[in-house]
Amino acid sequence: MTKDRNTTLNRLLIAGTDTDAGKTVVTTAIAAYWQRYYPQGSLALMKPLQSGTGDRELYQRLFELKQSPEEITPLYFEAPLAPPVAAQREGRSVDLKQLWPMFTQLQARFSFVLVEGVGGLGSPISWELTVADLAHDWRIPTVLVVPVRLGAIAAAVANVALARQAGVQLLGIILNCVQPRSEAEIADLTPIDLIESLTQTRVLGTIHCLEDAHNLDQLIHAASNLDLELLLPRLPILNR
């Protein structure tokens, strides 16, 4: 298990086990926390590929970002399908060559670049590559969001195995309640000791279902329950 904080971390990928795992809630919670408590540092949000309306538009509503829409999402497709399928519908191809230069430019301009993946860690970003391949190729530290529901343990085990096979630097797992859950339900559906034992990966915290996932105060509170010392760059923090 990873125990030491990465003192040079200036980029982070939020990946999930599948679609609707809660990547966007985790991404916006960490972003909201950063902007509240690290105002001396600059933040960039990136959704490298997006199919259909969604995350890019939400980022722009929630945060005052010093980025163009194209810098947030370089590759945008209309149909809410897997990117290679959505691109094919439009008579286009997924040109991944556009992504890396944009990512490196954002790293040069901002203190922290927070990247949200597409679908699950095994979701395709092209006909040949998955999100896991992108995480490896970009050498970007990654957290895995696991939804609290039946089957979560198997999903966590399978995705951690995929991350290892792909050579992803996996910092840990975040459990996310996609619907209201009691503490007893969370313990039954996603027992932390068992998940950590089977995956040999730390669980960095649990996000409970938010009444309003667009409320910045609720997002910040959710982020405060995570092991942010492992996830955020080392910058002076304002008093909380």
Protein backbone atom coordinates (compact mmCIF):
# COMPACT_ATOMS: atom_id res chain seq x y z
CA MET A 1 0.00 0.00 0.00
CA THR A 2 1.10 3.55 -0.71
CA LYS A 3 1.68 5.41 2.55
CA ASP A 4 3.93 8.35 1.78
CA ARG A 5 2.65 11.59 0.37
CA ASN A 6 3.79 12.45 -3.15
CA THR A 7 5.38 15.85 -2.55
CA THR A 8 5.73 16.59 -6.28
CA LEU A 9 2.14 15.78 -7.21
CA ASN A 10 0.73 18.46 -9.51
CA ARG A 11 -1.68 16.35 -11.51
CA LEU A 12 -4.33 13.79 -10.65
CA LEU A 13 -6.66 11.55 -12.64
CA ILE A 14 -10.06 10.65 -11.22
CA ALA A 15 -10.97 7.27 -12.69
CA GLY A 16 -13.90 5.00 -11.89
CA THR A 17 -14.92 1.40 -12.04
CA ASP A 18 -17.62 2.25 -14.59
CA THR A 19 -20.04 4.93 -15.74
CA ASP A 20 -21.96 6.64 -12.92
CA ALA A 21 -19.45 5.55 -10.29
CA GLY A 22 -19.23 9.13 -9.03
CA LYS A 23 -16.14 10.52 -10.76
CA THR A 24 -17.72 13.92 -11.28
CA VAL A 25 -18.69 14.30 -7.63
CA VAL A 26 -15.15 13.41 -6.55
CA THR A 27 -13.61 15.72 -9.16
CA THR A 28 -15.79 18.70 -8.28
CA ALA A 29 -15.41 18.08 -4.53
CA ILE A 30 -11.61 18.13 -4.75
CA ALA A 31 -11.74 21.17 -7.06
CA ALA A 32 -14.05 23.05 -4.70
CA TYR A 33 -11.84 22.23 -1.72
CA TRP A 34 -8.74 23.37 -3.60
CA GLN A 35 -10.24 26.68 -4.61
CA ARG A 36 -11.48 27.36 -1.07
CA TYR A 37 -8.31 26.49 0.83
CA TYR A 38 -5.51 26.92 -1.72
CA PRO A 39 -6.32 30.30 -3.29
CA GLN A 40 -2.61 30.99 -3.84
CA GLY A 41 -2.47 28.01 -6.21
CA SER A 42 -4.07 27.85 -9.66
CA LEU A 43 -6.34 25.01 -10.78
CA ALA A 44 -7.09 23.54 -14.20
CA LEU A 45 -9.85 21.02 -14.83
CA MET A 46 -9.66 18.69 -17.80
CA LYS A 47 -12.09 16.18 -19.28
CA PRO A 48 -9.93 15.00 -22.21
CA LEU A 49 -12.84 13.46 -24.09
CA GLN A 50 -16.55 14.07 -23.63
CA SER A 51 -19.51 12.51 -25.38
CA GLY A 52 -22.70 14.51 -24.95
CA THR A 53 -23.43 17.45 -22.68
CA GLY A 54 -22.24 17.04 -19.12
CA ASP A 55 -19.06 17.54 -17.16
CA ARG A 56 -17.46 20.43 -19.05
CA GLU A 57 -20.63 22.47 -18.75
CA LEU A 58 -20.88 21.64 -15.04
CA TYR A 59 -17.28 22.73 -14.40
CA GLN A 60 -17.99 26.05 -16.08
CA ARG A 61 -21.10 26.62 -13.95
CA LEU A 62 -19.45 25.74 -10.64
CA PHE A 63 -16.02 27.32 -11.00
CA GLU A 64 -14.38 30.42 -12.40
CA LEU A 65 -11.81 28.69 -14.57
CA LYS A 66 -9.09 30.48 -16.51
CA GLN A 67 -9.48 28.07 -19.40
CA SER A 68 -11.25 27.98 -22.72
CA PRO A 69 -13.83 25.23 -23.34
CA GLU A 70 -11.33 23.59 -25.71
CA GLU A 71 -8.72 23.51 -22.95
CA ILE A 72 -11.18 21.78 -20.64
CA THR A 73 -12.32 19.27 -23.26
CA PRO A 74 -10.15 19.07 -26.38
CA LEU A 75 -12.23 16.27 -27.93
CA TYR A 76 -16.00 16.74 -27.80
CA PHE A 77 -18.61 14.53 -29.45
CA GLU A 78 -22.38 15.00 -29.58
CA ALA A 79 -23.70 11.48 -28.93
CA PRO A 80 -23.53 10.20 -25.32
CA LEU A 81 -21.66 7.04 -26.34
CA ALA A 82 -18.16 5.65 -25.98
CA PRO A 83 -15.84 8.16 -27.71
CA PRO A 84 -14.79 5.94 -30.64
CA VAL A 85 -18.44 5.09 -31.34
CA ALA A 86 -19.59 8.70 -30.94
CA ALA A 87 -16.79 9.87 -33.25
CA GLN A 88 -17.68 7.28 -35.86
CA ARG A 89 -21.29 8.51 -35.87
CA GLU A 90 -20.01 11.98 -36.78
CA GLY A 91 -17.67 10.70 -39.49
CA ARG A 92 -14.69 11.60 -37.31
CA SER A 93 -11.86 9.75 -35.63
CA VAL A 94 -10.53 10.14 -32.08
CA ASP A 95 -7.34 12.13 -32.62
CA LEU A 96 -5.49 11.50 -29.37
CA LYS A 97 -2.57 13.62 -30.62
CA GLN A 98 -4.57 16.68 -29.56
CA LEU A 99 -4.69 15.63 -25.91
CA TRP A 100 -1.09 15.37 -24.76
CA PRO A 101 0.01 18.88 -25.87
CA MET A 102 -3.02 20.40 -24.13
CA PHE A 103 -2.27 18.45 -20.95
CA THR A 104 1.37 19.53 -20.88
CA GLN A 105 0.40 23.16 -21.52
CA LEU A 106 -2.00 23.07 -18.58
CA GLN A 107 0.69 21.58 -16.34
CA ALA A 108 3.02 24.42 -17.30
CA ARG A 109 0.40 27.12 -16.58
CA PHE A 110 -1.33 25.82 -13.45
CA SER A 111 -0.30 24.60 -10.01
CA PHE A 112 -2.65 21.62 -10.14
CA VAL A 113 -4.31 19.83 -13.05
CA LEU A 114 -7.31 17.68 -12.14
CA VAL A 115 -8.34 15.28 -14.89
CA GLU A 116 -11.62 13.36 -14.96
CA GLY A 117 -11.63 10.11 -16.89
CA VAL A 118 -14.25 8.79 -19.27
CA GLY A 119 -16.54 6.02 -18.04
CA GLY A 120 -14.56 3.34 -16.23
CA LEU A 121 -10.86 2.64 -16.08
CA GLY A 122 -11.38 0.07 -18.81
CA SER A 123 -13.55 2.30 -20.98
CA PRO A 124 -12.29 2.91 -24.52
CA ILE A 125 -10.95 6.29 -25.55
CA SER A 126 -10.13 5.00 -29.03
CA TRP A 127 -10.41 1.72 -30.90
CA GLU A 128 -7.09 0.63 -29.38
CA LEU A 129 -6.72 2.37 -25.99
CA THR A 130 -8.55 2.63 -22.67
CA VAL A 131 -8.54 5.16 -19.84
CA ALA A 132 -6.01 2.92 -18.08
CA ASP A 133 -3.68 3.22 -21.07
CA LEU A 134 -3.99 7.01 -20.98
CA ALA A 135 -3.18 7.05 -17.25
CA HIS A 136 -0.06 5.00 -17.90
CA ASP A 137 1.07 6.92 -20.98
CA TRP A 138 0.62 10.29 -19.25
CA ARG A 139 2.27 8.98 -16.06
CA ILE A 140 -0.53 10.59 -14.10
CA PRO A 141 -1.23 9.50 -10.50
CA THR A 142 -4.73 8.07 -10.31
CA VAL A 143 -7.48 7.45 -7.79
CA LEU A 144 -10.20 4.88 -8.39
CA VAL A 145 -13.80 5.79 -7.50
CA VAL A 146 -15.83 2.74 -6.43
CA PRO A 147 -19.61 3.16 -6.04
CA VAL A 148 -21.13 1.79 -2.83
CA ARG A 149 -23.47 -0.87 -4.16
CA LEU A 150 -23.77 -4.62 -4.53
CA GLY A 151 -20.82 -5.88 -6.59
CA ALA A 152 -18.51 -3.08 -5.47
CA ILE A 153 -15.91 -5.44 -4.02
CA ALA A 154 -15.54 -7.39 -7.26
CA ALA A 155 -15.47 -4.15 -9.27
CA ALA A 156 -12.69 -2.78 -7.06
CA VAL A 157 -10.64 -5.97 -7.35
CA ALA A 158 -11.03 -6.14 -11.14
CA ASN A 159 -10.18 -2.48 -11.70
CA VAL A 160 -7.14 -2.51 -9.42
CA ALA A 161 -5.93 -5.58 -11.33
CA LEU A 162 -6.44 -3.69 -14.60
CA ALA A 163 -4.56 -0.69 -13.22
CA ARG A 164 -1.62 -2.91 -12.25
CA GLN A 165 -1.61 -4.66 -15.61
CA ALA A 166 -1.56 -1.29 -17.40
CA GLY A 167 1.15 0.12 -15.14
CA VAL A 168 -1.04 2.84 -13.62
CA GLN A 169 0.26 4.67 -10.53
CA LEU A 170 -2.80 4.05 -8.36
CA LEU A 171 -2.79 6.19 -5.20
CA GLY A 172 -5.88 4.66 -3.66
CA ILE A 173 -9.62 4.07 -3.74
CA ILE A 174 -12.45 6.46 -2.91
CA LEU A 175 -15.84 4.99 -2.04
CA ASN A 176 -18.81 6.99 -3.30
CA CYS A 177 -22.45 6.62 -2.31
CA VAL A 178 -24.43 7.10 -5.50
CA GLN A 179 -27.60 6.92 -3.39
CA PRO A 180 -28.27 7.48 0.33
CA ARG A 181 -26.69 4.72 2.43
CA SER A 182 -26.54 4.12 6.16
CA GLU A 183 -23.19 3.45 7.82
CA ALA A 184 -24.27 -0.19 8.22
CA GLU A 185 -25.03 -0.47 4.50
CA ILE A 186 -21.69 1.08 3.58
CA ALA A 187 -19.88 -1.36 5.85
CA ASP A 188 -21.76 -4.32 4.39
CA LEU A 189 -21.46 -3.35 0.71
CA THR A 190 -17.92 -1.95 0.78
CA PRO A 191 -16.04 -3.33 3.82
CA ILE A 192 -12.82 -1.34 3.83
CA ASP A 193 -10.65 -4.00 5.47
CA LEU A 194 -11.72 -6.58 2.91
CA ILE A 195 -11.25 -4.26 -0.08
CA GLU A 196 -7.81 -3.22 1.13
CA SER A 197 -6.83 -6.83 1.79
CA LEU A 198 -7.93 -8.06 -1.64
CA THR A 199 -6.53 -5.13 -3.62
CA GLN A 200 -3.54 -4.15 -1.46
CA THR A 201 -4.66 -0.57 -2.10
CA ARG A 202 -5.66 2.05 0.45
CA VAL A 203 -9.20 3.33 0.76
CA LEU A 204 -8.78 7.10 1.03
CA GLY A 205 -12.26 7.87 2.32
CA THR A 206 -15.97 7.71 1.62
CA ILE A 207 -18.21 10.34 0.07
CA HIS A 208 -21.79 10.15 1.25
CA CYS A 209 -24.67 10.94 -1.10
CA LEU A 210 -25.05 14.72 -1.31
CA GLU A 211 -28.41 16.45 -1.17
CA ASP A 212 -27.16 18.91 -3.79
CA ALA A 213 -24.07 17.82 -5.73
CA HIS A 214 -23.84 21.36 -7.19
CA ASN A 215 -23.55 23.02 -3.78
CA LEU A 216 -19.96 24.11 -3.21
CA ASP A 217 -20.17 23.94 0.58
CA GLN A 218 -21.48 20.37 0.43
CA LEU A 219 -18.77 19.41 -2.05
CA ILE A 220 -16.05 20.93 0.15
CA HIS A 221 -17.38 19.07 3.18
CA ALA A 222 -17.37 15.83 1.19
CA ALA A 223 -13.76 16.38 0.14
CA SER A 224 -12.71 17.02 3.73
CA ASN A 225 -13.53 13.37 4.50
CA LEU A 226 -10.84 12.20 2.07
CA ASP A 227 -7.12 11.69 2.64
CA LEU A 228 -6.27 14.86 0.75
CA GLU A 229 -2.73 14.92 2.10
CA LEU A 230 -1.98 12.15 -0.39
CA LEU A 231 -3.80 13.75 -3.32
CA LEU A 232 -2.97 17.46 -3.35
CA PRO A 233 0.29 19.28 -4.08
CA ARG A 234 2.26 20.59 -1.14
CA LEU A 235 1.25 24.24 -0.81
CA PRO A 236 0.49 26.32 2.29
CA ILE A 237 -3.14 25.88 3.27
CA LEU A 238 -5.38 28.56 4.74
CA ASN A 239 -6.83 27.92 8.20
CA ARG A 240 -9.95 25.83 7.98
